[in-house]
Amino acid sequence: MAMQAAEIEAMIQEAFPDATIEIEDLRGDGDHYAATVVSQAFAGKSRVAQHQLVYKALKGKMGGELHALALTTRAPA
C-alpha cells in the first residue's frame, strides 16, 4: 500500500517541528516522491547525516510502504 504525501509530510513535521517541507508526487502514482526539507536541525551536518535523520523520521517505511523518495535537505539560510 502506497503512502500519501500528507502522511509523509506529517511524519517529517513531527520529527522536525521547525521544518519547511514540500512534497511532490513525481509520477502521480503515490509511490515516487520528491521532498525538500529545510530545518535548523540540519545545521552543521553532512548531507548524508541530514538524509539519515529524515529516513529515521519515516520510521522504517522507506523501501516498504514508501517506494522511492528523492530528498533535498538543508538548514535555513
C-alpha atoms as a PDB file:
ATOM      1  CA  MET A   1       0.000   0.000   0.000  1.00  0.00           C
ATOM      2  CA  ALA A   2       1.415   3.365  -1.023  1.00  0.00           C
ATOM      3  CA  MET A   3       1.820   6.296   1.343  1.00  0.00           C
ATOM      4  CA  GLN A   4       0.039   9.589   0.818  1.00  0.00           C
ATOM      5  CA  ALA A   5       2.046  12.809   0.554  1.00  0.00           C
ATOM      6  CA  ALA A   6       0.252  14.219   3.604  1.00  0.00           C
ATOM      7  CA  GLU A   7       1.338  11.226   5.696  1.00  0.00           C
ATOM      8  CA  ILE A   8       4.977  11.647   4.639  1.00  0.00           C
ATOM      9  CA  GLU A   9       4.820  15.353   5.427  1.00  0.00           C
ATOM     10  CA  ALA A  10       3.226  14.724   8.840  1.00  0.00           C
ATOM     11  CA  MET A  11       5.912  12.225   9.848  1.00  0.00           C
ATOM     12  CA  ILE A  12       8.709  14.582   8.843  1.00  0.00           C
ATOM     13  CA  GLN A  13       6.988  17.556  10.522  1.00  0.00           C
ATOM     14  CA  GLU A  14       6.648  15.562  13.737  1.00  0.00           C
ATOM     15  CA  ALA A  15      10.410  14.951  13.801  1.00  0.00           C
ATOM     16  CA  PHE A  16      11.313  18.482  12.689  1.00  0.00           C
ATOM     17  CA  PRO A  17       8.654  20.898  14.010  1.00  0.00           C
ATOM     18  CA  ASP A  18      10.503  23.933  12.611  1.00  0.00           C
ATOM     19  CA  ALA A  19      10.816  22.454   9.118  1.00  0.00           C
ATOM     20  CA  THR A  20       9.533  23.825   5.866  1.00  0.00           C
ATOM     21  CA  ILE A  21       8.516  20.786   3.823  1.00  0.00           C
ATOM     22  CA  GLU A  22       7.500  20.415   0.193  1.00  0.00           C
ATOM     23  CA  ILE A  23       6.365  17.022  -1.111  1.00  0.00           C
ATOM     24  CA  GLU A  24       5.858  16.291  -4.807  1.00  0.00           C
ATOM     25  CA  ASP A  25       4.364  13.102  -6.250  1.00  0.00           C
ATOM     26  CA  LEU A  26       6.725  12.610  -9.190  1.00  0.00           C
ATOM     27  CA  ARG A  27       4.609  10.147 -11.195  1.00  0.00           C
ATOM     28  CA  GLY A  28       1.150  10.603  -9.776  1.00  0.00           C
ATOM     29  CA  ASP A  29       1.225   7.004  -8.555  1.00  0.00           C
ATOM     30  CA  GLY A  30       1.734   7.558  -4.819  1.00  0.00           C
ATOM     31  CA  ASP A  31       4.983   5.571  -4.930  1.00  0.00           C
ATOM     32  CA  HIS A  32       7.588   8.046  -6.180  1.00  0.00           C
ATOM     33  CA  TYR A  33       8.014  11.273  -4.271  1.00  0.00           C
ATOM     34  CA  ALA A  34      10.470  14.139  -4.018  1.00  0.00           C
ATOM     35  CA  ALA A  35      10.775  16.022  -0.741  1.00  0.00           C
ATOM     36  CA  THR A  36      12.531  19.249   0.135  1.00  0.00           C
ATOM     37  CA  VAL A  37      13.070  19.685   3.855  1.00  0.00           C
ATOM     38  CA  VAL A  38      14.591  22.812   5.388  1.00  0.00           C
ATOM     39  CA  SER A  39      15.285  22.626   9.121  1.00  0.00           C
ATOM     40  CA  GLN A  40      17.678  24.116  11.645  1.00  0.00           C
ATOM     41  CA  ALA A  41      18.291  20.519  12.796  1.00  0.00           C
ATOM     42  CA  PHE A  42      20.439  20.049   9.682  1.00  0.00           C
ATOM     43  CA  ALA A  43      22.890  22.854  10.529  1.00  0.00           C
ATOM     44  CA  GLY A  44      26.465  21.598  10.570  1.00  0.00           C
ATOM     45  CA  LYS A  45      25.521  18.096   9.394  1.00  0.00           C
ATOM     46  CA  SER A  46      26.623  16.431   6.184  1.00  0.00           C
ATOM     47  CA  ARG A  47      24.044  15.758   3.501  1.00  0.00           C
ATOM     48  CA  VAL A  48      24.238  12.029   4.315  1.00  0.00           C
ATOM     49  CA  ALA A  49      23.552  12.729   8.010  1.00  0.00           C
ATOM     50  CA  GLN A  50      20.642  15.008   7.062  1.00  0.00           C
ATOM     51  CA  HIS A  51      19.094  12.315   4.890  1.00  0.00           C
ATOM     52  CA  GLN A  52      19.573   9.703   7.618  1.00  0.00           C
ATOM     53  CA  LEU A  53      17.631  11.935  10.015  1.00  0.00           C
ATOM     54  CA  VAL A  54      14.745  12.154   7.545  1.00  0.00           C
ATOM     55  CA  TYR A  55      14.764   8.390   6.949  1.00  0.00           C
ATOM     56  CA  LYS A  56      14.658   7.859  10.723  1.00  0.00           C
ATOM     57  CA  ALA A  57      11.638  10.186  10.902  1.00  0.00           C
ATOM     58  CA  LEU A  58       9.871   7.901   8.396  1.00  0.00           C
ATOM     59  CA  LYS A  59      10.038   5.078  10.961  1.00  0.00           C
ATOM     60  CA  GLY A  60      11.126   2.237   8.688  1.00  0.00           C
ATOM     61  CA  LYS A  61       8.578   2.901   5.941  1.00  0.00           C
ATOM     62  CA  MET A  62      11.266   3.776   3.373  1.00  0.00           C
ATOM     63  CA  GLY A  63      11.658   0.878   0.953  1.00  0.00           C
ATOM     64  CA  GLY A  64       8.360  -0.668   2.046  1.00  0.00           C
ATOM     65  CA  GLU A  65       5.228   1.472   2.021  1.00  0.00           C
ATOM     66  CA  LEU A  66       7.301   4.309   0.607  1.00  0.00           C
ATOM     67  CA  HIS A  67       8.971   3.005  -2.528  1.00  0.00           C
ATOM     68  CA  ALA A  68      11.079   5.998  -3.604  1.00  0.00           C
ATOM     69  CA  LEU A  69      11.873   9.378  -2.093  1.00  0.00           C
ATOM     70  CA  ALA A  70      14.272  11.853  -3.687  1.00  0.00           C
ATOM     71  CA  LEU A  71      15.474  14.109  -0.879  1.00  0.00           C
ATOM     72  CA  THR A  72      16.766  17.653  -0.850  1.00  0.00           C
ATOM     73  CA  THR A  73      17.715  18.819   2.636  1.00  0.00           C
ATOM     74  CA  ARG A  74      19.373  21.928   4.049  1.00  0.00           C
ATOM     75  CA  ALA A  75      19.495  24.261   7.011  1.00  0.00           C
ATOM     76  CA  PRO A  76      17.816  27.651   6.647  1.00  0.00           C
ATOM     77  CA  ALA A  77      19.980  30.367   5.116  1.00  0.00           C
END
